[in-house]
Amino acid sequence: KDNDDRFPSIDLSWSQQDQFGRPIVLSLPKNGLRLQFDGAHQRLRLIEITDFTKLSLKYSGSELVKESEGSTSPLFKRVYRLFGASFPGEYMPPSDGKLVGTYVLGWPGIAISFPVEHAVGLQEKDHVALLGSRVTSPANKLAIFEGKTWKEARKQLFVGAVSGPRNSALVSRPFDKLPGEIEAARINPNEGDIILSRRSPAPAFVLHLNVTTPQDLITELGAPDTKFKMKTPVHEVPANAKKNGVRRGSEVKSPPSSYSSTNTDTFETDFDSADAEDDGDRHHRDTYLCYFSHGMDILVGAAEDGHLVVKRVVIHGNLPGSAAFNRHRRLRWTMEFDIDSAFDDRDLHSEAHFEKDIKPELLIAYSDAARGPQTAMGRVINRCWDDNASESSFFLPDQDRSLADGGDGEQEGKWLGNVRLFQFPGLMFEVGKTGGVVAVYVGGD
């Protein structure tokens, strides 16, 4: 998003009815590309070339399309020279009475589609002779995927395990001491533990609330991508706040990334500039360690003995359509309760529908909390920014403004869709309109 000249148009689409079961499609029409990610892991599963005139492709140093051959798309003879012999592909007859079918020819990790004039018995013909004849037009699409053949790969394209890590640096620099990539989080609210499973051979890291220190985090997770120091709550505004320029009651911004969803570089405006308070005031403020690449924000603050410990962990779902989409990677999670067998925690996971699956089980686990309005109905909040696109104005949920009765409407900013906060003892869920969990907050009051 920071390169408008290179990517002038970006279209993102997803299913609101089945946001985790259906792929997320990122189209770059001006670049002739379409990228498809699975909904649950948000891993890139398929790269499609939809317009060969909008980009240049090379294989082993040779161009896939040569203008000297008089075509703007790959000819079969050119493809055959570059990729070599292949097994017969699949012929898909035309539909709706059209005269042109599609022949898909594949190699490991690559599939290319050729338009072919339809005739009876084409599937039984020699595919080399068929695709090299006049009835076949230059290729119109190319797909890149993980697998041996397109026929086999497409069956498990969006649900199969991905072999490589998300972070390409783990592949290109295997001997560097980079932190292990987190695969999933297992939350145990009763024990105050979060078990972070990592890619082999890295062992799991157990994060203990009110015990784990910032030094532990840096050792196991690496240095945070950035830090966000929380502003002093309104009822604790220091005496010198007014003279130093702090507005009483000003909202608190949430932990952001350098490039926000406003398509602008907001690094300078997203974080506290430290001009408003002196060093003594800032020293006593809790600080979020923002791990965008791990999908977490971790709040550290002083324990009763004065030592810094982890007080809260925010695990992000990175749901398309949410205000903070594309700030953090998606981190999947499960939740386990060590209580009697009558409680079923199998539906407590990041892909479950909150109202239908998660909330009913939590009301059983926290029967006393069921009477509270923040548990039963949830508190409606808004993620918005002002008309000034250079300033992100997201807020932390525990210091957010509640919407007035009446729900939707426009006030100071542009609504990006309201979310609800459901609070349980030691847990808080931020839920989008589709019922998906945007973020889960573990720990804190």
Protein backbone atom coordinates (compact mmCIF):
# COMPACT_ATOMS: atom_id res chain seq x y z
CA LYS A 1 0.00 0.00 0.00
CA ASP A 2 2.99 2.29 0.34
CA ASN A 3 3.76 2.09 -3.40
CA ASP A 4 0.85 3.55 -5.35
CA ASP A 5 2.90 3.80 -8.53
CA ARG A 6 3.65 0.10 -8.57
CA PHE A 7 0.27 -1.11 -7.27
CA PRO A 8 -2.27 1.56 -8.29
CA SER A 9 -5.30 -0.65 -7.66
CA ILE A 10 -5.87 -3.22 -4.89
CA ASP A 11 -9.13 -5.14 -4.57
CA LEU A 12 -9.77 -7.34 -1.53
CA SER A 13 -12.70 -9.73 -1.33
CA TRP A 14 -13.79 -12.34 1.20
CA SER A 15 -16.89 -14.24 2.28
CA GLN A 16 -18.85 -12.75 5.17
CA GLN A 17 -20.90 -15.94 5.49
CA ASP A 18 -17.87 -18.27 5.68
CA GLN A 19 -14.88 -16.06 6.33
CA PHE A 20 -12.64 -18.89 7.57
CA GLY A 21 -13.70 -21.61 5.15
CA ARG A 22 -13.50 -19.56 1.96
CA PRO A 23 -10.35 -17.91 0.57
CA ILE A 24 -9.40 -14.27 0.83
CA VAL A 25 -8.74 -12.94 -2.67
CA LEU A 26 -6.39 -10.04 -3.30
CA SER A 27 -6.63 -8.78 -6.88
CA LEU A 28 -4.14 -6.44 -8.54
CA PRO A 29 -5.93 -5.72 -11.85
CA LYS A 30 -3.41 -3.15 -13.04
CA ASN A 31 -0.61 -5.69 -12.50
CA GLY A 32 -2.36 -8.72 -13.98
CA LEU A 33 -2.15 -10.64 -10.68
CA ARG A 34 -4.55 -12.34 -8.30
CA LEU A 35 -3.45 -13.78 -4.94
CA GLN A 36 -5.55 -16.21 -2.91
CA PHE A 37 -5.06 -16.84 0.82
CA ASP A 38 -6.83 -19.40 2.97
CA GLY A 39 -9.24 -17.87 5.48
CA ALA A 40 -8.07 -19.69 8.61
CA HIS A 41 -4.28 -19.32 8.44
CA GLN A 42 -4.15 -16.44 5.94
CA ARG A 43 -1.28 -18.14 4.13
CA LEU A 44 -0.70 -17.47 0.44
CA ARG A 45 -1.97 -20.57 -1.41
CA LEU A 46 -2.32 -19.55 -5.03
CA ILE A 47 -0.74 -16.98 -7.35
CA GLU A 48 -2.59 -16.38 -10.62
CA ILE A 49 -1.38 -14.49 -13.66
CA THR A 50 -4.52 -13.12 -15.28
CA ASP A 51 -3.04 -10.70 -17.83
CA PHE A 52 0.36 -11.38 -19.38
CA THR A 53 0.49 -7.92 -20.96
CA LYS A 54 0.76 -6.23 -17.56
CA LEU A 55 3.95 -7.91 -16.32
CA SER A 56 7.12 -9.65 -17.46
CA LEU A 57 7.76 -13.26 -16.49
CA LYS A 58 11.00 -15.20 -16.66
CA TYR A 59 11.85 -18.83 -16.05
CA SER A 60 15.50 -19.84 -15.59
CA GLY A 61 16.49 -16.46 -16.99
CA SER A 62 14.40 -16.77 -20.16
CA GLU A 63 11.31 -14.71 -20.91
CA LEU A 64 8.02 -16.56 -20.99
CA VAL A 65 6.63 -14.20 -23.62
CA LYS A 66 8.80 -12.99 -26.49
CA GLU A 67 7.52 -10.11 -28.57
CA SER A 68 9.51 -11.38 -31.54
CA GLU A 69 7.17 -14.38 -31.70
CA GLY A 70 4.27 -12.07 -32.45
CA SER A 71 2.18 -12.73 -29.33
CA THR A 72 1.50 -10.92 -26.06
CA SER A 73 0.77 -14.22 -24.27
CA PRO A 74 2.79 -17.44 -23.96
CA LEU A 75 2.66 -19.73 -26.98
CA PHE A 76 2.62 -23.46 -26.33
CA LYS A 77 5.86 -24.03 -28.21
CA ARG A 78 7.58 -21.43 -26.06
CA VAL A 79 6.17 -22.97 -22.89
CA TYR A 80 7.24 -26.45 -24.01
CA ARG A 81 10.83 -25.29 -24.63
CA LEU A 82 11.09 -23.67 -21.20
CA PHE A 83 9.33 -26.21 -18.97
CA GLY A 84 9.95 -29.40 -20.92
CA ALA A 85 7.74 -32.41 -21.46
CA SER A 86 4.70 -33.00 -19.29
CA PHE A 87 2.03 -35.56 -18.69
CA PRO A 88 -1.33 -35.03 -20.40
CA GLY A 89 -3.43 -32.35 -18.75
CA GLU A 90 -7.14 -31.80 -18.32
CA TYR A 91 -9.59 -30.60 -20.94
CA MET A 92 -12.65 -28.71 -19.74
CA PRO A 93 -15.37 -28.43 -22.40
CA PRO A 94 -17.08 -25.05 -22.84
CA SER A 95 -20.29 -24.28 -21.03
CA ASP A 96 -23.44 -22.46 -22.15
CA GLY A 97 -22.96 -23.42 -25.78
CA LYS A 98 -19.65 -21.61 -26.25
CA LEU A 99 -17.20 -22.82 -28.87
CA VAL A 100 -13.94 -22.57 -26.89
CA GLY A 101 -12.89 -24.92 -24.11
CA THR A 102 -9.88 -24.84 -21.79
CA TYR A 103 -6.91 -27.20 -21.67
CA VAL A 104 -4.91 -27.06 -18.42
CA LEU A 105 -1.36 -28.32 -18.68
CA GLY A 106 0.76 -28.66 -15.59
CA TRP A 107 4.21 -29.15 -14.13
CA PRO A 108 5.15 -29.37 -10.45
CA GLY A 109 3.92 -26.13 -8.90
CA ILE A 110 2.76 -24.59 -12.20
CA ALA A 111 -0.42 -24.88 -14.29
CA ILE A 112 -1.08 -23.04 -17.57
CA SER A 113 -4.46 -22.68 -19.30
CA PHE A 114 -4.82 -22.65 -23.08
CA PRO A 115 -8.06 -21.81 -24.93
CA VAL A 116 -8.89 -24.59 -27.41
CA GLU A 117 -11.58 -24.72 -30.09
CA HIS A 118 -13.98 -27.35 -28.92
CA ALA A 119 -14.41 -30.65 -30.75
CA VAL A 120 -15.53 -34.12 -29.72
CA GLY A 121 -12.77 -36.40 -28.43
CA LEU A 122 -10.14 -33.74 -27.67
CA GLN A 123 -9.26 -35.36 -24.33
CA GLU A 124 -8.10 -38.53 -26.11
CA LYS A 125 -5.79 -36.75 -28.56
CA ASP A 126 -2.06 -36.28 -28.17
CA HIS A 127 -1.85 -33.14 -26.04
CA VAL A 128 1.41 -31.95 -27.61
CA ALA A 129 -0.02 -32.15 -31.11
CA LEU A 130 -3.30 -30.60 -29.97
CA LEU A 131 -1.77 -27.64 -28.14
CA GLY A 132 0.72 -27.03 -30.93
CA SER A 133 -1.98 -26.88 -33.60
CA ARG A 134 -3.99 -23.95 -34.92
CA VAL A 135 -7.04 -24.77 -32.82
CA THR A 136 -5.13 -23.71 -29.67
CA SER A 137 -4.68 -20.03 -28.78
CA PRO A 138 -1.85 -18.61 -26.62
CA ALA A 139 -2.15 -19.18 -22.88
CA ASN A 140 -4.53 -16.88 -21.01
CA LYS A 141 -3.78 -17.83 -17.38
CA LEU A 142 -0.95 -19.21 -15.28
CA ALA A 143 -1.18 -20.52 -11.72
CA ILE A 144 1.61 -21.06 -9.17
CA PHE A 145 0.87 -23.36 -6.24
CA GLU A 146 2.48 -25.83 -3.86
CA GLY A 147 2.15 -29.41 -5.08
CA LYS A 148 3.16 -31.89 -7.74
CA THR A 149 0.17 -31.52 -10.05
CA TRP A 150 -2.70 -29.08 -10.29
CA LYS A 151 -5.23 -31.92 -10.24
CA GLU A 152 -3.92 -33.20 -6.91
CA ALA A 153 -3.09 -29.83 -5.33
CA ARG A 154 -6.47 -28.17 -5.85
CA LYS A 155 -8.21 -30.77 -3.66
CA GLN A 156 -6.28 -29.57 -0.60
CA LEU A 157 -5.26 -26.16 -1.90
CA PHE A 158 -6.73 -24.11 0.96
CA VAL A 159 -6.68 -26.67 3.76
CA GLY A 160 -3.42 -28.58 3.36
CA ALA A 161 -0.38 -27.87 5.50
CA VAL A 162 2.08 -25.31 4.14
CA SER A 163 5.68 -26.47 4.21
CA GLY A 164 7.46 -23.14 4.43
CA PRO A 165 7.41 -20.49 7.18
CA ARG A 166 5.61 -17.16 6.89
CA ASN A 167 8.82 -15.21 7.41
CA SER A 168 11.04 -15.62 4.34
CA ALA A 169 14.06 -14.62 6.43
CA LEU A 170 13.82 -17.97 8.22
CA VAL A 171 14.51 -19.62 4.86
CA SER A 172 17.08 -17.22 3.43
CA ARG A 173 19.02 -16.91 6.70
CA PRO A 174 18.72 -20.32 8.38
CA PHE A 175 21.88 -19.90 10.42
CA ASP A 176 20.87 -16.59 11.96
CA LYS A 177 19.51 -16.73 15.46
CA LEU A 178 16.02 -15.54 14.54
CA PRO A 179 13.09 -16.16 16.90
CA GLY A 180 10.99 -19.20 16.07
CA GLU A 181 7.77 -18.55 14.20
CA ILE A 182 4.63 -18.97 16.32
CA GLU A 183 2.10 -21.37 14.84
CA ALA A 184 -0.73 -21.13 17.37
CA ALA A 185 -1.58 -20.12 20.93
CA ARG A 186 -3.29 -22.30 23.55
CA ILE A 187 -4.96 -20.24 26.27
CA ASN A 188 -5.66 -21.54 29.77
CA PRO A 189 -7.57 -18.72 31.53
CA ASN A 190 -7.76 -20.51 34.88
CA GLU A 191 -3.99 -20.91 35.11
CA GLY A 192 -3.15 -17.59 33.47
CA ASP A 193 -0.97 -19.37 30.90
CA ILE A 194 -0.62 -19.00 27.15
CA ILE A 195 1.31 -21.77 25.42
CA LEU A 196 2.83 -20.57 22.16
CA SER A 197 3.61 -23.49 19.85
CA ARG A 198 6.37 -22.78 17.35
CA ARG A 199 7.68 -24.29 14.16
CA SER A 200 10.01 -27.22 14.67
CA PRO A 201 12.66 -27.47 16.00
CA ALA A 202 11.85 -24.55 18.33
CA PRO A 203 10.14 -25.71 21.55
CA ALA A 204 6.91 -24.21 22.84
CA PHE A 205 7.12 -21.05 24.92
CA VAL A 206 4.82 -20.78 27.93
CA LEU A 207 3.84 -17.23 28.77
CA HIS A 208 2.74 -16.83 32.40
CA LEU A 209 0.69 -13.76 33.29
CA ASN A 210 2.19 -11.73 36.14
CA VAL A 211 5.33 -13.90 36.02
CA THR A 212 6.96 -13.68 32.58
CA THR A 213 9.32 -10.71 32.29
CA PRO A 214 10.19 -8.47 29.34
CA GLN A 215 13.60 -10.14 29.27
CA ASP A 216 11.87 -13.49 28.77
CA LEU A 217 9.86 -12.07 25.89
CA ILE A 218 12.89 -10.66 24.10
CA THR A 219 14.81 -13.90 24.58
CA GLU A 220 12.01 -16.09 23.22
CA LEU A 221 10.16 -13.81 20.78
CA GLY A 222 12.86 -11.37 19.79
CA ALA A 223 12.72 -7.61 20.05
CA PRO A 224 9.23 -6.12 19.54
CA ASP A 225 8.45 -4.38 16.28
CA THR A 226 7.65 -1.28 18.28
CA LYS A 227 6.52 -0.16 21.73
CA PHE A 228 3.46 1.76 22.76
CA LYS A 229 3.40 3.46 26.16
CA MET A 230 -0.12 3.89 27.46
CA LYS A 231 -1.28 7.33 28.48
CA THR A 232 -2.19 7.92 32.10
CA PRO A 233 -5.91 7.23 32.71
CA VAL A 234 -8.10 10.31 33.08
CA HIS A 235 -8.51 9.95 36.84
CA GLU A 236 -4.72 9.79 37.25
CA VAL A 237 -3.68 12.70 35.05
CA PRO A 238 -0.61 14.25 36.71
CA ALA A 239 -0.73 17.81 37.95
CA ASN A 240 1.69 18.99 35.29
CA ALA A 241 -0.32 17.44 32.43
CA LYS A 242 -2.26 20.58 31.61
CA LYS A 243 0.75 22.84 31.42
CA ASN A 244 2.56 20.31 29.27
CA GLY A 245 -0.25 20.17 26.75
CA VAL A 246 -2.16 16.96 27.55
CA ARG A 247 -5.88 17.30 26.89
CA ARG A 248 -7.93 15.91 29.77
CA GLY A 249 -10.09 13.09 28.49
CA SER A 250 -8.25 12.72 25.18
CA GLU A 251 -8.63 9.24 23.72
CA VAL A 252 -5.85 6.70 23.68
CA LYS A 253 -4.59 5.30 20.42
CA SER A 254 -4.21 1.57 19.98
CA PRO A 255 -0.96 -0.19 19.13
CA PRO A 256 -0.60 0.40 15.38
CA SER A 257 1.79 -0.46 12.60
CA SER A 258 3.78 2.04 10.59
CA TYR A 259 1.42 1.68 7.65
CA SER A 260 -2.17 1.79 8.76
CA SER A 261 -5.30 0.90 6.86
CA THR A 262 -5.59 4.54 5.84
CA ASN A 263 -2.92 3.89 3.20
CA THR A 264 -0.62 6.43 4.85
CA ASP A 265 2.58 6.31 6.82
CA THR A 266 1.38 6.99 10.37
CA PHE A 267 4.43 5.97 12.37
CA GLU A 268 4.99 9.45 13.80
CA THR A 269 1.35 10.07 14.69
CA ASP A 270 0.45 6.59 15.96
CA PHE A 271 2.73 6.70 18.98
CA ASP A 272 3.08 8.91 22.01
CA SER A 273 5.70 11.55 21.25
CA ALA A 274 6.70 11.94 24.93
CA ASP A 275 6.44 15.73 24.74
CA ALA A 276 3.50 15.91 27.12
CA GLU A 277 4.99 14.38 30.26
CA ASP A 278 8.26 14.29 32.06
CA ASP A 279 10.39 11.19 32.49
CA GLY A 280 9.03 10.46 35.97
CA ASP A 281 5.44 10.32 34.74
CA ARG A 282 6.30 8.09 31.78
CA HIS A 283 8.26 5.64 33.90
CA HIS A 284 5.13 4.49 35.74
CA ARG A 285 3.03 3.90 32.67
CA ASP A 286 2.35 0.40 31.36
CA THR A 287 3.82 -0.37 27.95
CA TYR A 288 2.59 -2.52 25.11
CA LEU A 289 5.24 -4.50 23.26
CA CYS A 290 3.84 -4.81 19.74
CA TYR A 291 4.77 -7.97 17.84
CA PHE A 292 3.10 -7.43 14.47
CA SER A 293 4.87 -10.42 12.91
CA HIS A 294 3.72 -12.73 15.74
CA GLY A 295 0.13 -11.43 15.83
CA MET A 296 0.29 -10.23 19.43
CA ASP A 297 0.54 -7.16 21.62
CA ILE A 298 1.85 -7.80 25.14
CA LEU A 299 1.27 -5.35 27.98
CA VAL A 300 4.04 -5.17 30.57
CA GLY A 301 3.90 -3.19 33.79
CA ALA A 302 5.14 -3.11 37.35
CA ALA A 303 4.11 -5.89 39.73
CA GLU A 304 3.58 -5.28 43.44
CA ASP A 305 7.28 -5.79 44.08
CA GLY A 306 8.18 -3.25 41.40
CA HIS A 307 9.48 -5.75 38.84
CA LEU A 308 8.15 -5.59 35.27
CA VAL A 309 5.95 -8.52 34.28
CA VAL A 310 3.41 -9.42 31.59
CA LYS A 311 -0.03 -8.16 32.60
CA ARG A 312 -2.07 -8.74 29.45
CA VAL A 313 -1.75 -10.42 26.05
CA VAL A 314 -3.78 -9.36 23.01
CA ILE A 315 -4.04 -12.00 20.27
CA HIS A 316 -5.16 -10.60 16.92
CA GLY A 317 -7.42 -12.30 14.38
CA ASN A 318 -6.64 -9.85 11.54
CA LEU A 319 -10.15 -10.21 10.10
CA PRO A 320 -10.81 -8.58 6.72
CA GLY A 321 -13.22 -5.70 7.18
CA SER A 322 -12.01 -4.85 10.67
CA ALA A 323 -10.48 -1.44 11.24
CA ALA A 324 -7.06 -2.80 12.19
CA PHE A 325 -6.83 -5.30 9.33
CA ASN A 326 -3.28 -5.82 8.03
CA ARG A 327 -1.62 -4.40 11.14
CA HIS A 328 -0.79 -7.78 12.68
CA ARG A 329 -0.53 -11.21 11.15
CA ARG A 330 -3.30 -13.61 12.13
CA LEU A 331 -2.52 -15.83 15.13
CA ARG A 332 -4.81 -18.80 15.61
CA TRP A 333 -5.76 -19.83 19.16
CA THR A 334 -7.60 -22.43 21.19
CA MET A 335 -8.86 -22.13 24.76
CA GLU A 336 -8.89 -24.81 27.44
CA PHE A 337 -10.52 -24.81 30.89
CA ASP A 338 -9.52 -27.23 33.64
CA ILE A 339 -13.06 -27.75 34.93
CA ASP A 340 -15.57 -30.60 35.12
CA SER A 341 -16.42 -32.75 32.14
CA ALA A 342 -19.85 -31.13 31.70
CA PHE A 343 -18.11 -28.17 30.09
CA ASP A 344 -17.21 -28.57 26.42
CA ASP A 345 -14.34 -26.37 25.25
CA ARG A 346 -13.95 -27.92 21.79
CA ASP A 347 -15.67 -24.91 20.19
CA LEU A 348 -13.42 -22.37 21.89
CA HIS A 349 -11.07 -21.51 19.06
CA SER A 350 -10.24 -18.65 16.72
CA GLU A 351 -12.44 -19.86 13.85
CA ALA A 352 -15.59 -20.37 15.94
CA HIS A 353 -18.59 -18.05 15.78
CA PHE A 354 -18.64 -16.07 19.00
CA GLU A 355 -22.40 -15.78 19.59
CA LYS A 356 -23.23 -19.33 18.48
CA ASP A 357 -20.26 -21.31 19.76
CA ILE A 358 -17.96 -19.43 22.13
CA LYS A 359 -20.29 -17.31 24.22
CA PRO A 360 -22.66 -20.10 25.33
CA GLU A 361 -19.76 -22.17 26.66
CA LEU A 362 -18.22 -19.21 28.45
CA LEU A 363 -21.55 -18.44 30.14
CA ILE A 364 -21.41 -21.95 31.57
CA ALA A 365 -17.83 -21.53 32.73
CA TYR A 366 -18.53 -18.08 34.21
CA SER A 367 -22.10 -18.41 35.47
CA ASP A 368 -21.74 -15.50 37.89
CA ALA A 369 -20.58 -13.19 35.12
CA ALA A 370 -23.61 -13.97 32.97
CA ARG A 371 -25.65 -11.37 34.83
CA GLY A 372 -23.37 -8.51 33.78
CA PRO A 373 -24.45 -6.36 30.81
CA GLN A 374 -20.95 -6.41 29.28
CA THR A 375 -21.14 -10.20 29.23
CA ALA A 376 -24.72 -10.63 28.04
CA MET A 377 -24.98 -7.90 25.41
CA GLY A 378 -21.45 -6.66 24.93
CA ARG A 379 -20.31 -3.06 24.83
CA VAL A 380 -20.51 -1.43 21.41
CA ILE A 381 -17.44 0.51 20.39
CA ASN A 382 -16.16 2.01 17.19
CA ARG A 383 -12.82 1.92 15.42
CA CYS A 384 -12.56 5.14 13.49
CA TRP A 385 -10.17 7.78 12.30
CA ASP A 386 -10.63 11.44 11.63
CA ASP A 387 -10.93 13.05 8.21
CA ASN A 388 -7.21 13.82 8.46
CA ALA A 389 -5.88 10.62 6.86
CA SER A 390 -2.39 11.22 8.19
CA GLU A 391 -3.44 10.52 11.78
CA SER A 392 -4.64 7.16 12.97
CA SER A 393 -7.06 7.43 15.87
CA PHE A 394 -7.70 3.90 17.00
CA PHE A 395 -8.34 3.40 20.69
CA LEU A 396 -7.52 0.69 23.18
CA PRO A 397 -10.73 -1.16 24.09
CA ASP A 398 -10.39 -0.74 27.85
CA GLN A 399 -10.20 3.03 27.44
CA ASP A 400 -12.55 3.41 24.50
CA ARG A 401 -15.65 5.51 24.08
CA SER A 402 -18.93 3.64 24.22
CA LEU A 403 -21.43 4.57 21.56
CA ALA A 404 -24.54 6.39 22.64
CA ASP A 405 -27.84 4.54 22.50
CA GLY A 406 -28.97 4.30 18.93
CA GLY A 407 -26.03 2.32 17.64
CA ASP A 408 -24.88 3.17 14.16
CA GLY A 409 -24.38 6.71 13.00
CA GLU A 410 -21.74 9.23 12.15
CA GLN A 411 -20.07 11.45 14.71
CA GLU A 412 -16.51 12.67 14.57
CA GLY A 413 -15.05 10.16 12.11
CA LYS A 414 -15.88 7.67 9.42
CA TRP A 415 -17.43 4.46 10.73
CA LEU A 416 -15.55 1.35 9.70
CA GLY A 417 -18.11 -0.94 11.29
CA ASN A 418 -18.89 -1.24 14.97
CA VAL A 419 -17.55 -4.05 17.10
CA ARG A 420 -18.67 -5.40 20.46
CA LEU A 421 -16.61 -6.13 23.54
CA PHE A 422 -17.66 -9.10 25.66
CA GLN A 423 -15.96 -9.22 29.03
CA PHE A 424 -15.44 -12.22 31.29
CA PRO A 425 -13.14 -12.60 34.30
CA GLY A 426 -9.63 -12.27 32.88
CA LEU A 427 -10.88 -12.41 29.29
CA MET A 428 -12.27 -9.96 26.78
CA PHE A 429 -13.38 -10.62 23.21
CA GLU A 430 -13.62 -8.06 20.44
CA VAL A 431 -16.24 -9.37 18.01
CA GLY A 432 -17.01 -8.15 14.50
CA LYS A 433 -20.39 -7.98 12.79
CA THR A 434 -19.91 -11.40 11.17
CA GLY A 435 -19.44 -13.04 14.57
CA GLY A 436 -15.72 -13.60 14.11
CA VAL A 437 -13.32 -12.76 16.93
CA VAL A 438 -11.25 -9.73 15.92
CA ALA A 439 -9.05 -10.00 19.04
CA VAL A 440 -8.98 -11.80 22.36
CA TYR A 441 -7.55 -10.11 25.46
CA VAL A 442 -6.10 -12.39 28.12
CA GLY A 443 -5.37 -10.94 31.55
CA GLY A 444 -5.94 -7.49 32.97
CA ASP A 445 -8.74 -6.25 35.12
